Amino acid sequence: MNAQIATILKDKLASIDNGLDAQSNPLPPGLKFIERLAGLVQIGEKAQPTQIEGAFAVSKFPISLDSDYEECINKGCYKDLVPNSKQKGILYFESLGALPLSQSHGSFKYAVKLRLVCWINNKLIQGSNCKSISHQLITKIRTTLENGAFNSGAFTRITVRATNILDNDIKLFANYTYPSESVKFLMHPYEAFGIDFTVEFSISNDCLDELVLSPEIC
């Protein structure tokens, strides 16, 4: 469930209407400045040899659940969601758990807890005279996601509520083994933030597609 809800929230951010430019041409949809937008991530591990013969160090990275794990590890896309000076912005979701809430007439209510992690490179966005824009992005994200109840597929009465904000906190990357010098990516001209969301929704058994197993495809 967490992955599906994260994808629904990602799609809402990817479809933001940014209006028109100065020449009245439609601007590209989506959250401005975010080049890498992903749904739920998992921790990917990549073993690398060390100076000690036969010993390996394991590096941990956020990998989108939309990616093929083995292909991502082998072809290098495991670095796509890691902050670096060549990207303007990265955004993805982490799972903080899920809770069953109630059941009534075949409809089940749940609460999913997700953390949105966003990192931005202000130098590439604004040039040399850059300033913090995290407050603007946080407000835009909350305006888009906390905008009343909505439905998506089998998920009904989806409501999103922010419960906590982490501002430039190294804990945002605590699940991963980034090198110690990566702390610079939390300092000017870079910044990062996290928003913890509680997402409540219902699923009716009558609205679910029949589960069909296809071993050859899986």
C-alpha atoms as a PDB file:
ATOM      1  CA  MET A   1       0.000   0.000   0.000  1.00  0.00           C
ATOM      2  CA  ASN A   2       2.755   2.425   0.911  1.00  0.00           C
ATOM      3  CA  ALA A   3       4.279   2.189  -2.560  1.00  0.00           C
ATOM      4  CA  GLN A   4       0.941   2.818  -4.298  1.00  0.00           C
ATOM      5  CA  ILE A   5       0.172   5.824  -2.090  1.00  0.00           C
ATOM      6  CA  ALA A   6       3.667   7.257  -2.656  1.00  0.00           C
ATOM      7  CA  THR A   7       3.145   6.911  -6.409  1.00  0.00           C
ATOM      8  CA  ILE A   8      -0.211   8.703  -6.165  1.00  0.00           C
ATOM      9  CA  LEU A   9       1.419  11.609  -4.301  1.00  0.00           C
ATOM     10  CA  LYS A  10       4.335  11.677  -6.737  1.00  0.00           C
ATOM     11  CA  ASP A  11       1.923  11.866  -9.667  1.00  0.00           C
ATOM     12  CA  LYS A  12       0.089  14.788  -8.057  1.00  0.00           C
ATOM     13  CA  LEU A  13       3.381  16.675  -7.719  1.00  0.00           C
ATOM     14  CA  ALA A  14       4.317  15.795 -11.301  1.00  0.00           C
ATOM     15  CA  SER A  15       1.048  17.246 -12.622  1.00  0.00           C
ATOM     16  CA  ILE A  16       1.188  20.654 -10.919  1.00  0.00           C
ATOM     17  CA  ASP A  17      -0.096  23.373 -13.274  1.00  0.00           C
ATOM     18  CA  ASN A  18       2.550  26.115 -13.422  1.00  0.00           C
ATOM     19  CA  GLY A  19       0.491  28.402 -15.637  1.00  0.00           C
ATOM     20  CA  LEU A  20       1.900  30.436 -18.530  1.00  0.00           C
ATOM     21  CA  ASP A  21       5.238  32.096 -19.211  1.00  0.00           C
ATOM     22  CA  ALA A  22       5.724  35.752 -20.199  1.00  0.00           C
ATOM     23  CA  GLN A  23       4.751  34.911 -23.798  1.00  0.00           C
ATOM     24  CA  SER A  24       1.556  33.134 -22.676  1.00  0.00           C
ATOM     25  CA  ASN A  25       2.971  29.711 -23.461  1.00  0.00           C
ATOM     26  CA  PRO A  26       2.131  26.838 -21.076  1.00  0.00           C
ATOM     27  CA  LEU A  27       4.949  26.087 -18.653  1.00  0.00           C
ATOM     28  CA  PRO A  28       5.949  22.434 -18.143  1.00  0.00           C
ATOM     29  CA  PRO A  29       3.863  20.746 -15.438  1.00  0.00           C
ATOM     30  CA  GLY A  30       5.342  19.477 -12.206  1.00  0.00           C
ATOM     31  CA  LEU A  31       7.287  20.746  -9.233  1.00  0.00           C
ATOM     32  CA  LYS A  32       9.772  23.303 -10.527  1.00  0.00           C
ATOM     33  CA  PHE A  33      13.499  22.572 -10.296  1.00  0.00           C
ATOM     34  CA  ILE A  34      13.041  18.890  -9.386  1.00  0.00           C
ATOM     35  CA  GLU A  35      14.883  16.841 -12.003  1.00  0.00           C
ATOM     36  CA  ARG A  36      14.659  13.475 -10.247  1.00  0.00           C
ATOM     37  CA  LEU A  37      11.169  12.712  -8.944  1.00  0.00           C
ATOM     38  CA  ALA A  38      10.496   9.239  -7.559  1.00  0.00           C
ATOM     39  CA  GLY A  39       7.842   7.462  -5.572  1.00  0.00           C
ATOM     40  CA  LEU A  40       8.739   5.112  -2.745  1.00  0.00           C
ATOM     41  CA  VAL A  41      12.390   4.091  -2.446  1.00  0.00           C
ATOM     42  CA  GLN A  42      14.066   1.037  -1.006  1.00  0.00           C
ATOM     43  CA  ILE A  43      17.607   0.734   0.288  1.00  0.00           C
ATOM     44  CA  GLY A  44      19.886  -0.666  -2.381  1.00  0.00           C
ATOM     45  CA  GLU A  45      23.191  -2.230  -1.376  1.00  0.00           C
ATOM     46  CA  LYS A  46      26.301  -2.390  -3.529  1.00  0.00           C
ATOM     47  CA  ALA A  47      29.396  -4.262  -2.401  1.00  0.00           C
ATOM     48  CA  GLN A  48      32.738  -2.765  -3.325  1.00  0.00           C
ATOM     49  CA  PRO A  49      36.222  -4.235  -2.716  1.00  0.00           C
ATOM     50  CA  THR A  50      38.442  -2.708  -0.048  1.00  0.00           C
ATOM     51  CA  GLN A  51      42.203  -2.619   0.440  1.00  0.00           C
ATOM     52  CA  ILE A  52      41.903  -5.782   2.533  1.00  0.00           C
ATOM     53  CA  GLU A  53      42.018  -8.850   0.314  1.00  0.00           C
ATOM     54  CA  GLY A  54      38.668 -10.617   0.168  1.00  0.00           C
ATOM     55  CA  ALA A  55      36.895  -7.885   2.183  1.00  0.00           C
ATOM     56  CA  PHE A  56      34.098  -5.769   0.787  1.00  0.00           C
ATOM     57  CA  ALA A  57      32.420  -2.571   1.952  1.00  0.00           C
ATOM     58  CA  VAL A  58      28.669  -2.299   1.454  1.00  0.00           C
ATOM     59  CA  SER A  59      27.321   1.055   0.259  1.00  0.00           C
ATOM     60  CA  LYS A  60      23.627   1.872   0.688  1.00  0.00           C
ATOM     61  CA  PHE A  61      21.626   4.094  -1.653  1.00  0.00           C
ATOM     62  CA  PRO A  62      17.951   5.043  -2.169  1.00  0.00           C
ATOM     63  CA  ILE A  63      16.550   3.197  -5.207  1.00  0.00           C
ATOM     64  CA  SER A  64      13.087   3.808  -6.609  1.00  0.00           C
ATOM     65  CA  LEU A  65      10.721   0.839  -6.385  1.00  0.00           C
ATOM     66  CA  ASP A  66       9.814   1.658  -9.991  1.00  0.00           C
ATOM     67  CA  SER A  67      13.306   0.524 -11.024  1.00  0.00           C
ATOM     68  CA  ASP A  68      14.488  -3.012 -11.668  1.00  0.00           C
ATOM     69  CA  TYR A  69      16.762  -3.622  -8.695  1.00  0.00           C
ATOM     70  CA  GLU A  70      19.429  -5.792 -10.354  1.00  0.00           C
ATOM     71  CA  GLU A  71      19.550  -3.623 -13.464  1.00  0.00           C
ATOM     72  CA  CYS A  72      19.816  -0.490 -11.354  1.00  0.00           C
ATOM     73  CA  ILE A  73      22.729  -1.846  -9.319  1.00  0.00           C
ATOM     74  CA  ASN A  74      24.581  -3.145 -12.373  1.00  0.00           C
ATOM     75  CA  LYS A  75      24.050  -0.138 -14.652  1.00  0.00           C
ATOM     76  CA  GLY A  76      24.665   2.650 -12.142  1.00  0.00           C
ATOM     77  CA  CYS A  77      21.218   4.184 -11.753  1.00  0.00           C
ATOM     78  CA  TYR A  78      21.526   3.539  -8.000  1.00  0.00           C
ATOM     79  CA  LYS A  79      23.213   6.968  -7.957  1.00  0.00           C
ATOM     80  CA  ASP A  80      20.239   8.776  -9.518  1.00  0.00           C
ATOM     81  CA  LEU A  81      18.738   9.872  -6.182  1.00  0.00           C
ATOM     82  CA  VAL A  82      22.027  10.753  -4.485  1.00  0.00           C
ATOM     83  CA  PRO A  83      22.745  14.514  -4.119  1.00  0.00           C
ATOM     84  CA  ASN A  84      25.441  15.788  -6.447  1.00  0.00           C
ATOM     85  CA  SER A  85      26.505  19.176  -7.759  1.00  0.00           C
ATOM     86  CA  LYS A  86      25.245  18.482 -11.305  1.00  0.00           C
ATOM     87  CA  GLN A  87      21.566  18.151 -10.388  1.00  0.00           C
ATOM     88  CA  LYS A  88      19.062  20.905  -9.572  1.00  0.00           C
ATOM     89  CA  GLY A  89      16.755  18.893  -7.371  1.00  0.00           C
ATOM     90  CA  ILE A  90      15.819  15.405  -6.141  1.00  0.00           C
ATOM     91  CA  LEU A  91      12.605  14.256  -4.464  1.00  0.00           C
ATOM     92  CA  TYR A  92      11.460  10.838  -3.261  1.00  0.00           C
ATOM     93  CA  PHE A  93       9.415   9.149  -0.528  1.00  0.00           C
ATOM     94  CA  GLU A  94      10.410   6.799   2.311  1.00  0.00           C
ATOM     95  CA  SER A  95       8.050   4.500   4.205  1.00  0.00           C
ATOM     96  CA  LEU A  96       7.514   5.137   7.919  1.00  0.00           C
ATOM     97  CA  GLY A  97       4.932   2.379   8.360  1.00  0.00           C
ATOM     98  CA  ALA A  98       1.195   1.757   8.037  1.00  0.00           C
ATOM     99  CA  LEU A  99      -1.719   1.221  10.419  1.00  0.00           C
ATOM    100  CA  PRO A 100      -5.150  -0.418  10.023  1.00  0.00           C
ATOM    101  CA  LEU A 101      -7.803   1.984  11.334  1.00  0.00           C
ATOM    102  CA  SER A 102     -11.324   0.623  10.929  1.00  0.00           C
ATOM    103  CA  GLN A 103     -13.614  -1.608   8.887  1.00  0.00           C
ATOM    104  CA  SER A 104     -17.218  -1.107   7.840  1.00  0.00           C
ATOM    105  CA  HIS A 105     -19.355  -2.988   5.306  1.00  0.00           C
ATOM    106  CA  GLY A 106     -16.391  -4.392   3.385  1.00  0.00           C
ATOM    107  CA  SER A 107     -14.499  -1.102   3.324  1.00  0.00           C
ATOM    108  CA  PHE A 108     -11.195  -0.941   5.180  1.00  0.00           C
ATOM    109  CA  LYS A 109      -9.566   2.263   6.376  1.00  0.00           C
ATOM    110  CA  TYR A 110      -5.802   2.672   6.741  1.00  0.00           C
ATOM    111  CA  ALA A 111      -3.187   5.273   7.626  1.00  0.00           C
ATOM    112  CA  VAL A 112       0.140   5.274   5.829  1.00  0.00           C
ATOM    113  CA  LYS A 113       3.089   7.296   7.074  1.00  0.00           C
ATOM    114  CA  LEU A 114       5.524   8.595   4.473  1.00  0.00           C
ATOM    115  CA  ARG A 115       8.513  10.894   4.549  1.00  0.00           C
ATOM    116  CA  LEU A 116       9.045  13.133   1.533  1.00  0.00           C
ATOM    117  CA  VAL A 117      12.759  13.898   1.112  1.00  0.00           C
ATOM    118  CA  CYS A 118      13.754  16.819  -1.098  1.00  0.00           C
ATOM    119  CA  TRP A 119      17.231  18.116  -1.922  1.00  0.00           C
ATOM    120  CA  ILE A 120      17.980  21.173  -4.074  1.00  0.00           C
ATOM    121  CA  ASN A 121      21.013  22.867  -5.586  1.00  0.00           C
ATOM    122  CA  ASN A 122      20.337  26.608  -5.426  1.00  0.00           C
ATOM    123  CA  LYS A 123      23.445  27.514  -7.423  1.00  0.00           C
ATOM    124  CA  LEU A 124      22.085  25.767 -10.526  1.00  0.00           C
ATOM    125  CA  ILE A 125      18.639  27.229  -9.926  1.00  0.00           C
ATOM    126  CA  GLN A 126      19.513  30.856  -9.142  1.00  0.00           C
ATOM    127  CA  GLY A 127      23.165  31.393 -10.001  1.00  0.00           C
ATOM    128  CA  SER A 128      25.684  33.096  -7.726  1.00  0.00           C
ATOM    129  CA  ASN A 129      23.180  35.259  -5.814  1.00  0.00           C
ATOM    130  CA  CYS A 130      21.211  32.284  -4.548  1.00  0.00           C
ATOM    131  CA  LYS A 131      19.026  32.210  -1.463  1.00  0.00           C
ATOM    132  CA  SER A 132      17.003  29.590   0.351  1.00  0.00           C
ATOM    133  CA  ILE A 133      13.803  28.505  -1.390  1.00  0.00           C
ATOM    134  CA  SER A 134      12.884  25.538   0.812  1.00  0.00           C
ATOM    135  CA  HIS A 135       9.999  27.454   2.396  1.00  0.00           C
ATOM    136  CA  GLN A 136       8.527  28.069  -1.052  1.00  0.00           C
ATOM    137  CA  LEU A 137       8.823  24.421  -2.094  1.00  0.00           C
ATOM    138  CA  ILE A 138       7.408  23.173   1.218  1.00  0.00           C
ATOM    139  CA  THR A 139       4.412  25.478   0.835  1.00  0.00           C
ATOM    140  CA  LYS A 140       3.868  24.420  -2.796  1.00  0.00           C
ATOM    141  CA  ILE A 141       4.076  20.741  -1.886  1.00  0.00           C
ATOM    142  CA  ARG A 142       1.668  21.063   1.030  1.00  0.00           C
ATOM    143  CA  THR A 143      -0.752  23.165  -1.026  1.00  0.00           C
ATOM    144  CA  THR A 144      -0.796  20.458  -3.691  1.00  0.00           C
ATOM    145  CA  LEU A 145      -1.054  17.402  -1.452  1.00  0.00           C
ATOM    146  CA  GLU A 146      -3.157  18.723   1.451  1.00  0.00           C
ATOM    147  CA  ASN A 147      -5.967  19.947  -0.743  1.00  0.00           C
ATOM    148  CA  GLY A 148      -8.980  17.999   0.521  1.00  0.00           C
ATOM    149  CA  ALA A 149     -10.046  14.398   0.003  1.00  0.00           C
ATOM    150  CA  PHE A 150      -9.686  12.728  -3.397  1.00  0.00           C
ATOM    151  CA  ASN A 151      -9.903   9.289  -5.007  1.00  0.00           C
ATOM    152  CA  SER A 152      -7.396   7.356  -7.096  1.00  0.00           C
ATOM    153  CA  GLY A 153      -8.130   3.910  -8.465  1.00  0.00           C
ATOM    154  CA  ALA A 154      -9.127   1.533  -5.678  1.00  0.00           C
ATOM    155  CA  PHE A 155      -8.080   4.100  -3.041  1.00  0.00           C
ATOM    156  CA  THR A 156     -10.915   6.385  -1.913  1.00  0.00           C
ATOM    157  CA  ARG A 157     -11.275   9.366   0.426  1.00  0.00           C
ATOM    158  CA  ILE A 158      -7.527   9.958   0.438  1.00  0.00           C
ATOM    159  CA  THR A 159      -6.510  12.724   2.826  1.00  0.00           C
ATOM    160  CA  VAL A 160      -2.953  13.963   3.348  1.00  0.00           C
ATOM    161  CA  ARG A 161      -1.705  15.736   6.470  1.00  0.00           C
ATOM    162  CA  ALA A 162       1.815  16.948   7.274  1.00  0.00           C
ATOM    163  CA  THR A 163       2.907  16.005  10.801  1.00  0.00           C
ATOM    164  CA  ASN A 164       6.578  17.005  10.941  1.00  0.00           C
ATOM    165  CA  ILE A 165       9.229  18.915   8.994  1.00  0.00           C
ATOM    166  CA  LEU A 166      12.980  18.285   9.076  1.00  0.00           C
ATOM    167  CA  ASP A 167      15.027  21.223   7.835  1.00  0.00           C
ATOM    168  CA  ASN A 168      18.596  20.574   6.606  1.00  0.00           C
ATOM    169  CA  ASP A 169      18.927  17.673   9.031  1.00  0.00           C
ATOM    170  CA  ILE A 170      21.619  15.037   8.370  1.00  0.00           C
ATOM    171  CA  LYS A 171      19.046  12.489   9.609  1.00  0.00           C
ATOM    172  CA  LEU A 172      17.421  12.831   6.185  1.00  0.00           C
ATOM    173  CA  PHE A 173      20.211  10.634   4.801  1.00  0.00           C
ATOM    174  CA  ALA A 174      20.778   8.421   7.852  1.00  0.00           C
ATOM    175  CA  ASN A 175      19.590   5.274   6.041  1.00  0.00           C
ATOM    176  CA  TYR A 176      22.374   5.536   3.462  1.00  0.00           C
ATOM    177  CA  THR A 177      26.158   5.304   3.544  1.00  0.00           C
ATOM    178  CA  TYR A 178      27.078   8.529   1.811  1.00  0.00           C
ATOM    179  CA  PRO A 179      30.713   9.601   2.316  1.00  0.00           C
ATOM    180  CA  SER A 180      31.336  11.971   5.224  1.00  0.00           C
ATOM    181  CA  GLU A 181      32.053  14.887   2.892  1.00  0.00           C
ATOM    182  CA  SER A 182      28.461  14.679   1.606  1.00  0.00           C
ATOM    183  CA  VAL A 183      27.462  16.813   4.608  1.00  0.00           C
ATOM    184  CA  LYS A 184      28.412  19.738   2.343  1.00  0.00           C
ATOM    185  CA  PHE A 185      25.207  19.034   0.397  1.00  0.00           C
ATOM    186  CA  LEU A 186      23.264  20.406   3.381  1.00  0.00           C
ATOM    187  CA  MET A 187      25.149  23.711   3.335  1.00  0.00           C
ATOM    188  CA  HIS A 188      24.947  26.755   1.059  1.00  0.00           C
ATOM    189  CA  PRO A 189      24.286  26.693  -1.876  1.00  0.00           C
ATOM    190  CA  TYR A 190      22.576  23.347  -1.227  1.00  0.00           C
ATOM    191  CA  GLU A 191      19.678  22.615   1.082  1.00  0.00           C
ATOM    192  CA  ALA A 192      17.382  19.746   1.927  1.00  0.00           C
ATOM    193  CA  PHE A 193      14.203  19.142   3.858  1.00  0.00           C
ATOM    194  CA  GLY A 194      11.852  16.357   4.783  1.00  0.00           C
ATOM    195  CA  ILE A 195       8.097  16.387   5.333  1.00  0.00           C
ATOM    196  CA  ASP A 196       6.437  13.581   7.265  1.00  0.00           C
ATOM    197  CA  PHE A 197       2.920  12.894   6.004  1.00  0.00           C
ATOM    198  CA  THR A 198       0.097  10.803   7.365  1.00  0.00           C
ATOM    199  CA  VAL A 199      -2.136   9.634   4.527  1.00  0.00           C
ATOM    200  CA  GLU A 200      -5.528   8.163   5.406  1.00  0.00           C
ATOM    201  CA  PHE A 201      -7.672   6.333   2.862  1.00  0.00           C
ATOM    202  CA  SER A 202     -10.193   3.544   2.376  1.00  0.00           C
ATOM    203  CA  ILE A 203     -10.177   0.449   0.195  1.00  0.00           C
ATOM    204  CA  SER A 204     -13.384  -1.398  -0.607  1.00  0.00           C
ATOM    205  CA  ASN A 205     -13.130  -5.108  -1.318  1.00  0.00           C
ATOM    206  CA  ASP A 206     -15.768  -4.608  -4.044  1.00  0.00           C
ATOM    207  CA  CYS A 207     -13.500  -2.156  -5.903  1.00  0.00           C
ATOM    208  CA  LEU A 208     -10.455  -4.418  -6.111  1.00  0.00           C
ATOM    209  CA  ASP A 209      -9.542  -6.195  -9.327  1.00  0.00           C
ATOM    210  CA  GLU A 210      -9.513  -9.969  -9.174  1.00  0.00           C
ATOM    211  CA  LEU A 211      -6.072 -11.246  -8.230  1.00  0.00           C
ATOM    212  CA  VAL A 212      -4.672 -13.244 -11.137  1.00  0.00           C
ATOM    213  CA  LEU A 213      -1.313 -14.965 -10.830  1.00  0.00           C
ATOM    214  CA  SER A 214       0.816 -15.244 -13.964  1.00  0.00           C
ATOM    215  CA  PRO A 215       4.053 -17.010 -12.950  1.00  0.00           C
ATOM    216  CA  GLU A 216       5.592 -16.808 -16.425  1.00  0.00           C
ATOM    217  CA  ILE A 217       5.253 -13.007 -16.413  1.00  0.00           C
ATOM    218  CA  CYS A 218       6.206 -12.504 -12.767  1.00  0.00           C
END
